[in-house]
Amino acid sequence: MKNILVIYTGGTIGMVKDESTGALRPFDMQKIYEVLPVLHELDCNIETYQFNPIIDSSDMNAQVWLKLASYIESVYSSYDGFVILHGTDTMSYTASALSFLLENLAKPVIITGSQLPLGMIRNDGRDNIISSIELASNQDVLIPEVCIFFDDKLYRGNRTTKINAEYFEAFYSGNMPSLAKVGINISYKEHLLLPKPQQEFKVYKSLCEDIAILKVHPAINPSHLENISNIPNLKGIVLETYGSGNAPTNKEFIAAIKNIIDKGITVYNVTQCKAGKVEMGHYAASYALREMGVISGKDITTEAALAKMMFVLGNFNDKAKQRELLQSNLRGELTL
């Protein structure tokens, strides 16, 4: 039987009703079999670990990601798979960050959550937990990567974005099909899974937090860019552009971007669209960005781009190496 560790960081999924007050409160993960007795039917051993205090997903940050990665490293040899219970708002950011921090991952790390608490009669958390554990403990199909499971679909974590705060279909992966779908049976798309690595598992210990996200919009003006470029110690900017990487072509905007790059700040171009990719130079509106050294993020999501910049700039000092890595496919996060 496989050994699975369920890690509860916080979020809606872990809330149950207090019998005395009727209010929702976090439940004790050590009692997971009591809350979900059907887990006894799964062919695996389940143990739990709970953050203390639990963390609302709105409070997720680099230090929590590093703590989570380090904890997985400390118990990595004791378990065959990991299920992380997490709030939905920053789930895609966490999945992306962990995918980069956990190098040569040879075991499933599946992040899930819910739109409604377990303590409500009608909720999506129950099925998300059960299915995530079943996927992580599968004896026949290995999932050697960080994933998100939600609404009956398994996604590559660093390809997702949250698109809905109201319905159970909360996540979308516009440039990568789901890796598995849970119905009466579990249907795997094994050809899409990352290959099992042959190198030794490694966990990185550093992330650069001096990163900003700048969204191009019709009301943007050079002073906005100048103000951002004057942020102390700023190392990188994720530039959300239109369509296939397009931005204003006026001289003032172009000069402001060039000024940012001349200051040694790395600029990573991603599309605002939920699907599609950046192709700098395809239109005149992106040609100038390419010529001045803006780096194309291709079809990477904003969440993954932020996490990737934090990882690359936090662990590699050479500018040429940083540029090479940002354009490379490290964990299945972009299509070359």
C-alpha atoms as a PDB file:
ATOM      1  CA  MET A   1       0.000   0.000   0.000  1.00  0.00           C
ATOM      2  CA  LYS A   2       1.209   3.477  -0.804  1.00  0.00           C
ATOM      3  CA  ASN A   3       1.732   6.066   1.914  1.00  0.00           C
ATOM      4  CA  ILE A   4       0.121   9.448   1.237  1.00  0.00           C
ATOM      5  CA  LEU A   5       0.625  12.618   3.249  1.00  0.00           C
ATOM      6  CA  VAL A   6      -2.206  15.155   3.308  1.00  0.00           C
ATOM      7  CA  ILE A   7      -0.936  18.655   4.150  1.00  0.00           C
ATOM      8  CA  TYR A   8      -3.525  21.214   5.225  1.00  0.00           C
ATOM      9  CA  THR A   9      -2.270  24.765   4.751  1.00  0.00           C
ATOM     10  CA  GLY A  10      -5.657  26.432   5.187  1.00  0.00           C
ATOM     11  CA  GLY A  11      -8.572  27.475   3.027  1.00  0.00           C
ATOM     12  CA  THR A  12     -12.273  26.855   2.659  1.00  0.00           C
ATOM     13  CA  ILE A  13     -11.907  23.123   2.137  1.00  0.00           C
ATOM     14  CA  GLY A  14     -10.947  22.424   5.763  1.00  0.00           C
ATOM     15  CA  MET A  15     -13.871  24.186   7.401  1.00  0.00           C
ATOM     16  CA  VAL A  16     -16.554  22.205   9.236  1.00  0.00           C
ATOM     17  CA  LYS A  17     -19.503  23.213  11.400  1.00  0.00           C
ATOM     18  CA  ASP A  18     -18.976  23.502  15.138  1.00  0.00           C
ATOM     19  CA  GLU A  19     -21.733  21.396  16.708  1.00  0.00           C
ATOM     20  CA  SER A  20     -22.126  23.721  19.685  1.00  0.00           C
ATOM     21  CA  THR A  21     -22.134  27.092  17.928  1.00  0.00           C
ATOM     22  CA  GLY A  22     -23.045  26.245  14.338  1.00  0.00           C
ATOM     23  CA  ALA A  23     -20.137  28.380  13.118  1.00  0.00           C
ATOM     24  CA  LEU A  24     -17.572  27.121  10.617  1.00  0.00           C
ATOM     25  CA  ARG A  25     -14.134  26.309  12.022  1.00  0.00           C
ATOM     26  CA  PRO A  26     -11.043  24.438  10.766  1.00  0.00           C
ATOM     27  CA  PHE A  27     -11.279  20.741  11.471  1.00  0.00           C
ATOM     28  CA  ASP A  28      -8.476  18.666  12.983  1.00  0.00           C
ATOM     29  CA  MET A  29      -6.765  16.920  10.058  1.00  0.00           C
ATOM     30  CA  GLN A  30      -5.781  14.044  12.315  1.00  0.00           C
ATOM     31  CA  LYS A  31      -9.489  13.140  12.261  1.00  0.00           C
ATOM     32  CA  ILE A  32      -9.684  12.989   8.485  1.00  0.00           C
ATOM     33  CA  TYR A  33     -10.934   9.392   8.573  1.00  0.00           C
ATOM     34  CA  GLU A  34     -13.757  10.456  10.890  1.00  0.00           C
ATOM     35  CA  VAL A  35     -14.805  13.320   8.636  1.00  0.00           C
ATOM     36  CA  LEU A  36     -14.415  11.215   5.462  1.00  0.00           C
ATOM     37  CA  PRO A  37     -14.826   7.559   6.490  1.00  0.00           C
ATOM     38  CA  VAL A  38     -14.951   6.504   2.835  1.00  0.00           C
ATOM     39  CA  LEU A  39     -11.165   7.029   2.778  1.00  0.00           C
ATOM     40  CA  HIS A  40     -10.880   3.639   4.504  1.00  0.00           C
ATOM     41  CA  GLU A  41     -11.901   2.141   1.166  1.00  0.00           C
ATOM     42  CA  LEU A  42      -8.844   3.513  -0.646  1.00  0.00           C
ATOM     43  CA  ASP A  43      -5.862   1.226  -1.029  1.00  0.00           C
ATOM     44  CA  CYS A  44      -3.389   3.484   0.754  1.00  0.00           C
ATOM     45  CA  ASN A  45      -2.234   4.661   4.168  1.00  0.00           C
ATOM     46  CA  ILE A  46      -3.064   8.318   4.867  1.00  0.00           C
ATOM     47  CA  GLU A  47      -1.249  10.539   7.324  1.00  0.00           C
ATOM     48  CA  THR A  48      -1.770  14.254   7.859  1.00  0.00           C
ATOM     49  CA  TYR A  49       0.144  17.407   8.681  1.00  0.00           C
ATOM     50  CA  GLN A  50      -1.522  20.715   9.506  1.00  0.00           C
ATOM     51  CA  PHE A  51      -0.026  24.189   9.417  1.00  0.00           C
ATOM     52  CA  ASN A  52      -0.241  25.959  12.757  1.00  0.00           C
ATOM     53  CA  PRO A  53      -1.637  28.494  12.379  1.00  0.00           C
ATOM     54  CA  ILE A  54      -3.446  27.714   9.155  1.00  0.00           C
ATOM     55  CA  ILE A  55      -2.971  30.297   6.420  1.00  0.00           C
ATOM     56  CA  ASP A  56      -5.647  31.994   4.351  1.00  0.00           C
ATOM     57  CA  SER A  57      -4.659  31.725   0.699  1.00  0.00           C
ATOM     58  CA  SER A  58      -4.687  35.530   0.435  1.00  0.00           C
ATOM     59  CA  ASP A  59      -1.711  35.539   2.821  1.00  0.00           C
ATOM     60  CA  MET A  60       0.406  33.123   0.748  1.00  0.00           C
ATOM     61  CA  ASN A  61       3.885  34.403   0.024  1.00  0.00           C
ATOM     62  CA  ALA A  62       7.409  33.295  -0.810  1.00  0.00           C
ATOM     63  CA  GLN A  63       8.275  32.361   2.758  1.00  0.00           C
ATOM     64  CA  VAL A  64       5.291  30.025   3.025  1.00  0.00           C
ATOM     65  CA  TRP A  65       6.207  28.393  -0.294  1.00  0.00           C
ATOM     66  CA  LEU A  66       9.776  27.840   0.896  1.00  0.00           C
ATOM     67  CA  LYS A  67       8.493  26.404   4.178  1.00  0.00           C
ATOM     68  CA  LEU A  68       6.168  24.049   2.321  1.00  0.00           C
ATOM     69  CA  ALA A  69       8.902  22.920  -0.076  1.00  0.00           C
ATOM     70  CA  SER A  70      11.341  22.347   2.791  1.00  0.00           C
ATOM     71  CA  TYR A  71       8.776  20.321   4.713  1.00  0.00           C
ATOM     72  CA  ILE A  72       8.135  18.099   1.693  1.00  0.00           C
ATOM     73  CA  GLU A  73      11.900  17.637   1.387  1.00  0.00           C
ATOM     74  CA  SER A  74      12.164  16.582   5.056  1.00  0.00           C
ATOM     75  CA  VAL A  75       9.566  13.817   4.677  1.00  0.00           C
ATOM     76  CA  TYR A  76      10.036  13.027   0.981  1.00  0.00           C
ATOM     77  CA  SER A  77      11.461   9.548   1.500  1.00  0.00           C
ATOM     78  CA  SER A  78       8.635   8.521   3.849  1.00  0.00           C
ATOM     79  CA  TYR A  79       5.732   9.000   1.442  1.00  0.00           C
ATOM     80  CA  ASP A  80       4.752   7.976  -2.071  1.00  0.00           C
ATOM     81  CA  GLY A  81       2.650  11.046  -2.760  1.00  0.00           C
ATOM     82  CA  PHE A  82       1.456  14.328  -1.311  1.00  0.00           C
ATOM     83  CA  VAL A  83      -1.944  16.038  -1.311  1.00  0.00           C
ATOM     84  CA  ILE A  84      -1.978  19.716  -0.298  1.00  0.00           C
ATOM     85  CA  LEU A  85      -5.236  21.307   0.820  1.00  0.00           C
ATOM     86  CA  HIS A  86      -5.126  24.994  -0.054  1.00  0.00           C
ATOM     87  CA  GLY A  87      -7.346  28.022  -0.576  1.00  0.00           C
ATOM     88  CA  THR A  88      -8.300  28.609  -4.202  1.00  0.00           C
ATOM     89  CA  ASP A  89      -7.383  32.287  -4.604  1.00  0.00           C
ATOM     90  CA  THR A  90      -3.616  31.725  -4.798  1.00  0.00           C
ATOM     91  CA  MET A  91      -3.595  28.024  -5.602  1.00  0.00           C
ATOM     92  CA  SER A  92      -2.161  28.512  -9.100  1.00  0.00           C
ATOM     93  CA  TYR A  93       0.634  30.684  -7.707  1.00  0.00           C
ATOM     94  CA  THR A  94       1.515  28.057  -5.091  1.00  0.00           C
ATOM     95  CA  ALA A  95       1.407  25.223  -7.628  1.00  0.00           C
ATOM     96  CA  SER A  96       3.694  27.181  -9.949  1.00  0.00           C
ATOM     97  CA  ALA A  97       6.173  28.068  -7.194  1.00  0.00           C
ATOM     98  CA  LEU A  98       6.366  24.489  -5.919  1.00  0.00           C
ATOM     99  CA  SER A  99       6.896  23.161  -9.443  1.00  0.00           C
ATOM    100  CA  PHE A 100      10.096  25.213  -9.694  1.00  0.00           C
ATOM    101  CA  LEU A 101      11.311  24.687  -6.130  1.00  0.00           C
ATOM    102  CA  LEU A 102      10.918  20.893  -6.332  1.00  0.00           C
ATOM    103  CA  GLU A 103      13.411  19.846  -9.001  1.00  0.00           C
ATOM    104  CA  ASN A 104      13.487  16.253 -10.308  1.00  0.00           C
ATOM    105  CA  LEU A 105      10.223  15.507  -8.534  1.00  0.00           C
ATOM    106  CA  ALA A 106       9.462  11.792  -8.903  1.00  0.00           C
ATOM    107  CA  LYS A 107       6.257  11.655  -6.848  1.00  0.00           C
ATOM    108  CA  PRO A 108       2.828  13.260  -7.196  1.00  0.00           C
ATOM    109  CA  VAL A 109       2.183  16.542  -5.418  1.00  0.00           C
ATOM    110  CA  ILE A 110      -1.509  17.299  -5.914  1.00  0.00           C
ATOM    111  CA  ILE A 111      -3.014  20.551  -4.669  1.00  0.00           C
ATOM    112  CA  THR A 112      -6.748  20.806  -4.170  1.00  0.00           C
ATOM    113  CA  GLY A 113      -9.328  22.906  -2.387  1.00  0.00           C
ATOM    114  CA  SER A 114     -12.986  23.755  -2.644  1.00  0.00           C
ATOM    115  CA  GLN A 115     -15.454  26.528  -3.327  1.00  0.00           C
ATOM    116  CA  LEU A 116     -17.676  25.399  -0.429  1.00  0.00           C
ATOM    117  CA  PRO A 117     -16.575  24.177   3.022  1.00  0.00           C
ATOM    118  CA  LEU A 118     -16.698  20.505   3.979  1.00  0.00           C
ATOM    119  CA  GLY A 119     -19.075  21.540   6.756  1.00  0.00           C
ATOM    120  CA  MET A 120     -21.831  22.437   4.306  1.00  0.00           C
ATOM    121  CA  ILE A 121     -24.307  19.814   3.167  1.00  0.00           C
ATOM    122  CA  ARG A 122     -23.607  20.497  -0.499  1.00  0.00           C
ATOM    123  CA  ASN A 123     -19.886  20.938  -1.127  1.00  0.00           C
ATOM    124  CA  ASP A 124     -17.177  20.131  -3.648  1.00  0.00           C
ATOM    125  CA  GLY A 125     -14.434  19.544  -1.111  1.00  0.00           C
ATOM    126  CA  ARG A 126     -15.342  15.955  -0.323  1.00  0.00           C
ATOM    127  CA  ASP A 127     -14.898  14.688  -3.877  1.00  0.00           C
ATOM    128  CA  ASN A 128     -11.804  16.834  -4.442  1.00  0.00           C
ATOM    129  CA  ILE A 129     -10.029  15.326  -1.425  1.00  0.00           C
ATOM    130  CA  ILE A 130     -11.032  11.739  -2.191  1.00  0.00           C
ATOM    131  CA  SER A 131     -10.101  11.969  -5.873  1.00  0.00           C
ATOM    132  CA  SER A 132      -6.795  13.732  -5.162  1.00  0.00           C
ATOM    133  CA  ILE A 133      -5.750  10.996  -2.726  1.00  0.00           C
ATOM    134  CA  GLU A 134      -6.831   8.321  -5.189  1.00  0.00           C
ATOM    135  CA  LEU A 135      -4.786   9.928  -7.962  1.00  0.00           C
ATOM    136  CA  ALA A 136      -1.732  10.340  -5.713  1.00  0.00           C
ATOM    137  CA  SER A 137      -1.888   6.699  -4.618  1.00  0.00           C
ATOM    138  CA  ASN A 138      -2.503   5.121  -8.019  1.00  0.00           C
ATOM    139  CA  GLN A 139      -0.466   1.937  -8.358  1.00  0.00           C
ATOM    140  CA  ASP A 140      -0.322   1.956 -12.157  1.00  0.00           C
ATOM    141  CA  VAL A 141       0.118   5.559 -13.286  1.00  0.00           C
ATOM    142  CA  LEU A 142       2.836   7.752 -11.760  1.00  0.00           C
ATOM    143  CA  ILE A 143       2.271  11.519 -11.758  1.00  0.00           C
ATOM    144  CA  PRO A 144       5.772  12.984 -11.200  1.00  0.00           C
ATOM    145  CA  GLU A 145       4.802  16.633 -11.043  1.00  0.00           C
ATOM    146  CA  VAL A 146       2.940  19.339  -9.155  1.00  0.00           C
ATOM    147  CA  CYS A 147      -0.733  19.331 -10.158  1.00  0.00           C
ATOM    148  CA  ILE A 148      -4.032  20.920  -9.278  1.00  0.00           C
ATOM    149  CA  PHE A 149      -7.118  18.735  -9.020  1.00  0.00           C
ATOM    150  CA  PHE A 150     -10.449  20.512  -9.227  1.00  0.00           C
ATOM    151  CA  ASP A 151     -13.933  19.766 -10.527  1.00  0.00           C
ATOM    152  CA  ASP A 152     -13.047  16.240 -11.727  1.00  0.00           C
ATOM    153  CA  LYS A 153      -9.967  17.335 -13.678  1.00  0.00           C
ATOM    154  CA  LEU A 154      -6.251  16.999 -12.991  1.00  0.00           C
ATOM    155  CA  TYR A 155      -4.201  19.892 -14.368  1.00  0.00           C
ATOM    156  CA  ARG A 156      -0.495  20.659 -14.550  1.00  0.00           C
ATOM    157  CA  GLY A 157      -0.315  23.180 -11.736  1.00  0.00           C
ATOM    158  CA  ASN A 158       1.863  25.753 -13.467  1.00  0.00           C
ATOM    159  CA  ARG A 159      -0.515  25.885 -16.432  1.00  0.00           C
ATOM    160  CA  THR A 160      -3.589  26.949 -14.467  1.00  0.00           C
ATOM    161  CA  THR A 161      -5.342  30.146 -13.547  1.00  0.00           C
ATOM    162  CA  LYS A 162      -8.416  30.716 -11.404  1.00  0.00           C
ATOM    163  CA  ILE A 163     -11.258  32.023 -13.547  1.00  0.00           C
ATOM    164  CA  ASN A 164     -14.363  31.689 -11.384  1.00  0.00           C
ATOM    165  CA  ALA A 165     -15.210  32.580  -7.797  1.00  0.00           C
ATOM    166  CA  GLU A 166     -18.792  31.286  -7.914  1.00  0.00           C
ATOM    167  CA  TYR A 167     -18.958  27.931  -9.691  1.00  0.00           C
ATOM    168  CA  PHE A 168     -17.196  24.632  -9.021  1.00  0.00           C
ATOM    169  CA  GLU A 169     -15.337  24.868 -12.323  1.00  0.00           C
ATOM    170  CA  ALA A 170     -12.912  27.359 -10.840  1.00  0.00           C
ATOM    171  CA  PHE A 171      -9.712  26.677 -12.796  1.00  0.00           C
ATOM    172  CA  TYR A 172      -8.739  26.870 -16.432  1.00  0.00           C
ATOM    173  CA  SER A 173      -5.735  25.649 -18.371  1.00  0.00           C
ATOM    174  CA  GLY A 174      -5.911  27.377 -21.725  1.00  0.00           C
ATOM    175  CA  ASN A 175      -2.651  26.163 -23.219  1.00  0.00           C
ATOM    176  CA  MET A 176      -2.446  22.641 -21.777  1.00  0.00           C
ATOM    177  CA  PRO A 177      -5.153  19.955 -21.736  1.00  0.00           C
ATOM    178  CA  SER A 178      -6.048  18.297 -18.459  1.00  0.00           C
ATOM    179  CA  LEU A 179      -3.817  15.358 -17.498  1.00  0.00           C
ATOM    180  CA  ALA A 180      -6.646  13.179 -16.218  1.00  0.00           C
ATOM    181  CA  LYS A 181     -10.406  13.258 -15.819  1.00  0.00           C
ATOM    182  CA  VAL A 182     -12.333  11.577 -13.039  1.00  0.00           C
ATOM    183  CA  GLY A 183     -15.716  10.085 -13.883  1.00  0.00           C
ATOM    184  CA  ILE A 184     -16.999   6.573 -13.363  1.00  0.00           C
ATOM    185  CA  ASN A 185     -13.397   5.650 -14.104  1.00  0.00           C
ATOM    186  CA  ILE A 186     -10.228   7.724 -14.077  1.00  0.00           C
ATOM    187  CA  SER A 187      -9.057   8.509 -17.594  1.00  0.00           C
ATOM    188  CA  TYR A 188      -5.353   9.380 -17.773  1.00  0.00           C
ATOM    189  CA  LYS A 189      -3.557  11.126 -20.621  1.00  0.00           C
ATOM    190  CA  GLU A 190      -0.214   9.516 -19.842  1.00  0.00           C
ATOM    191  CA  HIS A 191       1.481  10.983 -22.917  1.00  0.00           C
ATOM    192  CA  LEU A 192       1.010  14.464 -21.430  1.00  0.00           C
ATOM    193  CA  LEU A 193       2.588  13.689 -18.058  1.00  0.00           C
ATOM    194  CA  LEU A 194       6.137  14.787 -17.403  1.00  0.00           C
ATOM    195  CA  PRO A 195       8.625  11.892 -17.589  1.00  0.00           C
ATOM    196  CA  LYS A 196       9.959  10.442 -14.361  1.00  0.00           C
ATOM    197  CA  PRO A 197      13.310  12.173 -13.728  1.00  0.00           C
ATOM    198  CA  GLN A 198      16.511  10.192 -13.525  1.00  0.00           C
ATOM    199  CA  GLN A 199      18.403  12.749 -11.433  1.00  0.00           C
ATOM    200  CA  GLU A 200      18.298  13.142  -7.673  1.00  0.00           C
ATOM    201  CA  PHE A 201      15.455  15.107  -6.079  1.00  0.00           C
ATOM    202  CA  LYS A 202      16.504  18.643  -5.154  1.00  0.00           C
ATOM    203  CA  VAL A 203      14.724  21.438  -3.300  1.00  0.00           C
ATOM    204  CA  TYR A 204      15.731  25.060  -3.813  1.00  0.00           C
ATOM    205  CA  LYS A 205      15.888  27.371  -0.805  1.00  0.00           C
ATOM    206  CA  SER A 206      15.585  30.821  -2.322  1.00  0.00           C
ATOM    207  CA  LEU A 207      13.043  32.992  -4.128  1.00  0.00           C
ATOM    208  CA  CYS A 208      13.441  36.593  -5.259  1.00  0.00           C
ATOM    209  CA  GLU A 209      10.550  38.718  -4.010  1.00  0.00           C
ATOM    210  CA  ASP A 210      11.611  41.899  -5.837  1.00  0.00           C
ATOM    211  CA  ILE A 211       9.250  41.281  -8.755  1.00  0.00           C
ATOM    212  CA  ALA A 212       6.358  43.411 -10.011  1.00  0.00           C
ATOM    213  CA  ILE A 213       3.477  42.704 -12.384  1.00  0.00           C
ATOM    214  CA  LEU A 214       2.541  45.479 -14.802  1.00  0.00           C
ATOM    215  CA  LYS A 215      -0.575  45.198 -16.925  1.00  0.00           C
ATOM    216  CA  VAL A 216      -0.644  47.172 -20.156  1.00  0.00           C
ATOM    217  CA  HIS A 217      -3.930  49.035 -20.592  1.00  0.00           C
ATOM    218  CA  PRO A 218      -5.246  51.946 -22.662  1.00  0.00           C
ATOM    219  CA  ALA A 219      -4.788  54.451 -19.823  1.00  0.00           C
ATOM    220  CA  ILE A 220      -1.157  53.574 -19.148  1.00  0.00           C
ATOM    221  CA  ASN A 221       1.380  56.360 -19.420  1.00  0.00           C
ATOM    222  CA  PRO A 222       5.171  56.567 -19.079  1.00  0.00           C
ATOM    223  CA  SER A 223       4.956  57.939 -15.538  1.00  0.00           C
ATOM    224  CA  HIS A 224       3.434  54.638 -14.399  1.00  0.00           C
ATOM    225  CA  LEU A 225       6.451  52.780 -15.762  1.00  0.00           C
ATOM    226  CA  GLU A 226       8.862  55.310 -14.281  1.00  0.00           C
ATOM    227  CA  ASN A 227       7.279  54.944 -10.855  1.00  0.00           C
ATOM    228  CA  ILE A 228       7.545  51.164 -11.016  1.00  0.00           C
ATOM    229  CA  SER A 229      11.158  51.291 -12.200  1.00  0.00           C
ATOM    230  CA  ASN A 230      12.012  53.409  -9.140  1.00  0.00           C
ATOM    231  CA  ILE A 231      10.860  50.715  -6.686  1.00  0.00           C
ATOM    232  CA  PRO A 232      13.921  50.027  -4.506  1.00  0.00           C
ATOM    233  CA  ASN A 233      15.771  46.788  -5.383  1.00  0.00           C
ATOM    234  CA  LEU A 234      13.329  45.863  -8.145  1.00  0.00           C
ATOM    235  CA  LYS A 235      14.821  42.962 -10.144  1.00  0.00           C
ATOM    236  CA  GLY A 236      12.109  41.949 -12.574  1.00  0.00           C
ATOM    237  CA  ILE A 237       8.759  42.860 -14.123  1.00  0.00           C
ATOM    238  CA  VAL A 238       6.145  40.534 -15.550  1.00  0.00           C
ATOM    239  CA  LEU A 239       4.685  42.659 -18.362  1.00  0.00           C
ATOM    240  CA  GLU A 240       1.128  41.629 -19.243  1.00  0.00           C
ATOM    241  CA  THR A 241       0.640  42.724 -22.846  1.00  0.00           C
ATOM    242  CA  TYR A 242      -2.196  42.522 -25.345  1.00  0.00           C
ATOM    243  CA  GLY A 243      -2.828  39.510 -27.574  1.00  0.00           C
ATOM    244  CA  SER A 244       0.371  37.962 -28.908  1.00  0.00           C
ATOM    245  CA  GLY A 245       2.625  40.283 -26.918  1.00  0.00           C
ATOM    246  CA  ASN A 246       1.627  43.696 -28.200  1.00  0.00           C
ATOM    247  CA  ALA A 247       2.065  47.019 -26.408  1.00  0.00           C
ATOM    248  CA  PRO A 248       1.744  50.740 -27.240  1.00  0.00           C
ATOM    249  CA  THR A 249       4.123  51.879 -29.970  1.00  0.00           C
ATOM    250  CA  ASN A 250       4.405  55.541 -28.977  1.00  0.00           C
ATOM    251  CA  LYS A 251       7.924  56.794 -28.355  1.00  0.00           C
ATOM    252  CA  GLU A 252       7.280  57.676 -24.716  1.00  0.00           C
ATOM    253  CA  PHE A 253       6.155  54.146 -23.804  1.00  0.00           C
ATOM    254  CA  ILE A 254       9.026  52.504 -25.665  1.00  0.00           C
ATOM    255  CA  ALA A 255      11.541  54.868 -24.051  1.00  0.00           C
ATOM    256  CA  ALA A 256      10.121  54.078 -20.604  1.00  0.00           C
ATOM    257  CA  ILE A 257      10.504  50.315 -21.174  1.00  0.00           C
ATOM    258  CA  LYS A 258      14.047  50.824 -22.458  1.00  0.00           C
ATOM    259  CA  ASN A 259      14.848  52.865 -19.366  1.00  0.00           C
ATOM    260  CA  ILE A 260      13.665  49.964 -17.204  1.00  0.00           C
ATOM    261  CA  ILE A 261      15.885  47.493 -19.058  1.00  0.00           C
ATOM    262  CA  ASP A 262      18.848  49.906 -18.940  1.00  0.00           C
ATOM    263  CA  LYS A 263      18.517  49.881 -15.150  1.00  0.00           C
ATOM    264  CA  GLY A 264      19.188  46.137 -15.222  1.00  0.00           C
ATOM    265  CA  ILE A 265      15.571  45.147 -14.534  1.00  0.00           C
ATOM    266  CA  THR A 266      14.473  41.998 -16.375  1.00  0.00           C
ATOM    267  CA  VAL A 267      11.192  42.330 -18.300  1.00  0.00           C
ATOM    268  CA  TYR A 268       9.215  39.148 -19.043  1.00  0.00           C
ATOM    269  CA  ASN A 269       6.441  39.473 -21.628  1.00  0.00           C
ATOM    270  CA  VAL A 270       3.242  37.433 -21.121  1.00  0.00           C
ATOM    271  CA  THR A 271      -0.153  37.715 -22.753  1.00  0.00           C
ATOM    272  CA  GLN A 272      -3.228  38.970 -20.920  1.00  0.00           C
ATOM    273  CA  CYS A 273      -5.269  36.361 -22.791  1.00  0.00           C
ATOM    274  CA  LYS A 274      -6.251  33.143 -20.999  1.00  0.00           C
ATOM    275  CA  ALA A 275      -5.036  31.122 -23.985  1.00  0.00           C
ATOM    276  CA  GLY A 276      -2.516  31.732 -26.741  1.00  0.00           C
ATOM    277  CA  LYS A 277       1.063  32.892 -26.671  1.00  0.00           C
ATOM    278  CA  VAL A 278       3.452  35.803 -27.036  1.00  0.00           C
ATOM    279  CA  GLU A 279       5.106  36.082 -30.466  1.00  0.00           C
ATOM    280  CA  MET A 280       7.203  39.222 -30.280  1.00  0.00           C
ATOM    281  CA  GLY A 281       7.894  40.704 -33.704  1.00  0.00           C
ATOM    282  CA  HIS A 282       4.800  39.118 -35.255  1.00  0.00           C
ATOM    283  CA  TYR A 283       3.200  42.581 -35.191  1.00  0.00           C
ATOM    284  CA  ALA A 284       4.872  45.977 -35.200  1.00  0.00           C
ATOM    285  CA  ALA A 285       3.380  46.579 -31.755  1.00  0.00           C
ATOM    286  CA  SER A 286       5.768  44.033 -30.242  1.00  0.00           C
ATOM    287  CA  TYR A 287       8.796  44.412 -32.511  1.00  0.00           C
ATOM    288  CA  ALA A 288      10.342  47.219 -30.469  1.00  0.00           C
ATOM    289  CA  LEU A 289      10.021  45.203 -27.250  1.00  0.00           C
ATOM    290  CA  ARG A 290      11.922  42.311 -28.775  1.00  0.00           C
ATOM    291  CA  GLU A 291      14.645  44.547 -30.141  1.00  0.00           C
ATOM    292  CA  MET A 292      15.359  46.177 -26.795  1.00  0.00           C
ATOM    293  CA  GLY A 293      15.679  42.858 -24.951  1.00  0.00           C
ATOM    294  CA  VAL A 294      12.259  42.115 -23.466  1.00  0.00           C
ATOM    295  CA  ILE A 295      12.069  38.335 -22.912  1.00  0.00           C
ATOM    296  CA  SER A 296       9.181  36.373 -24.408  1.00  0.00           C
ATOM    297  CA  GLY A 297       7.208  34.197 -21.987  1.00  0.00           C
ATOM    298  CA  LYS A 298       5.633  32.364 -24.930  1.00  0.00           C
ATOM    299  CA  ASP A 299       2.450  30.682 -23.616  1.00  0.00           C
ATOM    300  CA  ILE A 300       3.247  30.835 -19.894  1.00  0.00           C
ATOM    301  CA  THR A 301       0.554  32.064 -17.492  1.00  0.00           C
ATOM    302  CA  THR A 302       1.029  35.185 -15.395  1.00  0.00           C
ATOM    303  CA  GLU A 303       1.027  33.066 -12.228  1.00  0.00           C
ATOM    304  CA  ALA A 304       3.749  30.785 -13.554  1.00  0.00           C
ATOM    305  CA  ALA A 305       5.723  33.716 -14.966  1.00  0.00           C
ATOM    306  CA  LEU A 306       5.815  35.401 -11.563  1.00  0.00           C
ATOM    307  CA  ALA A 307       6.867  32.192  -9.810  1.00  0.00           C
ATOM    308  CA  LYS A 308       9.455  31.430 -12.476  1.00  0.00           C
ATOM    309  CA  MET A 309      11.025  34.879 -12.224  1.00  0.00           C
ATOM    310  CA  MET A 310      11.120  34.561  -8.444  1.00  0.00           C
ATOM    311  CA  PHE A 311      12.842  31.190  -8.825  1.00  0.00           C
ATOM    312  CA  VAL A 312      15.298  32.092 -11.582  1.00  0.00           C
ATOM    313  CA  LEU A 313      16.322  35.497 -10.207  1.00  0.00           C
ATOM    314  CA  GLY A 314      16.521  34.064  -6.704  1.00  0.00           C
ATOM    315  CA  ASN A 315      18.880  31.224  -7.572  1.00  0.00           C
ATOM    316  CA  PHE A 316      20.952  32.305 -10.578  1.00  0.00           C
ATOM    317  CA  ASN A 317      22.986  35.513 -10.682  1.00  0.00           C
ATOM    318  CA  ASP A 318      24.329  35.479 -14.227  1.00  0.00           C
ATOM    319  CA  LYS A 319      22.136  37.600 -16.521  1.00  0.00           C
ATOM    320  CA  ALA A 320      22.722  35.381 -19.550  1.00  0.00           C
ATOM    321  CA  LYS A 321      21.765  32.301 -17.527  1.00  0.00           C
ATOM    322  CA  GLN A 322      18.643  34.021 -16.250  1.00  0.00           C
ATOM    323  CA  ARG A 323      17.593  34.894 -19.792  1.00  0.00           C
ATOM    324  CA  GLU A 324      18.252  31.349 -20.977  1.00  0.00           C
ATOM    325  CA  LEU A 325      16.194  29.791 -18.173  1.00  0.00           C
ATOM    326  CA  LEU A 326      13.277  32.195 -18.533  1.00  0.00           C
ATOM    327  CA  GLN A 327      12.991  31.204 -22.197  1.00  0.00           C
ATOM    328  CA  SER A 328      13.403  27.476 -21.476  1.00  0.00           C
ATOM    329  CA  ASN A 329      10.781  24.906 -20.545  1.00  0.00           C
ATOM    330  CA  LEU A 330      11.863  23.863 -17.045  1.00  0.00           C
ATOM    331  CA  ARG A 331       8.794  22.106 -15.587  1.00  0.00           C
ATOM    332  CA  GLY A 332       6.329  21.887 -18.451  1.00  0.00           C
ATOM    333  CA  GLU A 333       5.237  25.480 -17.833  1.00  0.00           C
ATOM    334  CA  LEU A 334       5.559  26.652 -21.430  1.00  0.00           C
ATOM    335  CA  THR A 335       5.590  25.286 -24.977  1.00  0.00           C
ATOM    336  CA  LEU A 336       8.736  25.800 -27.002  1.00  0.00           C
END
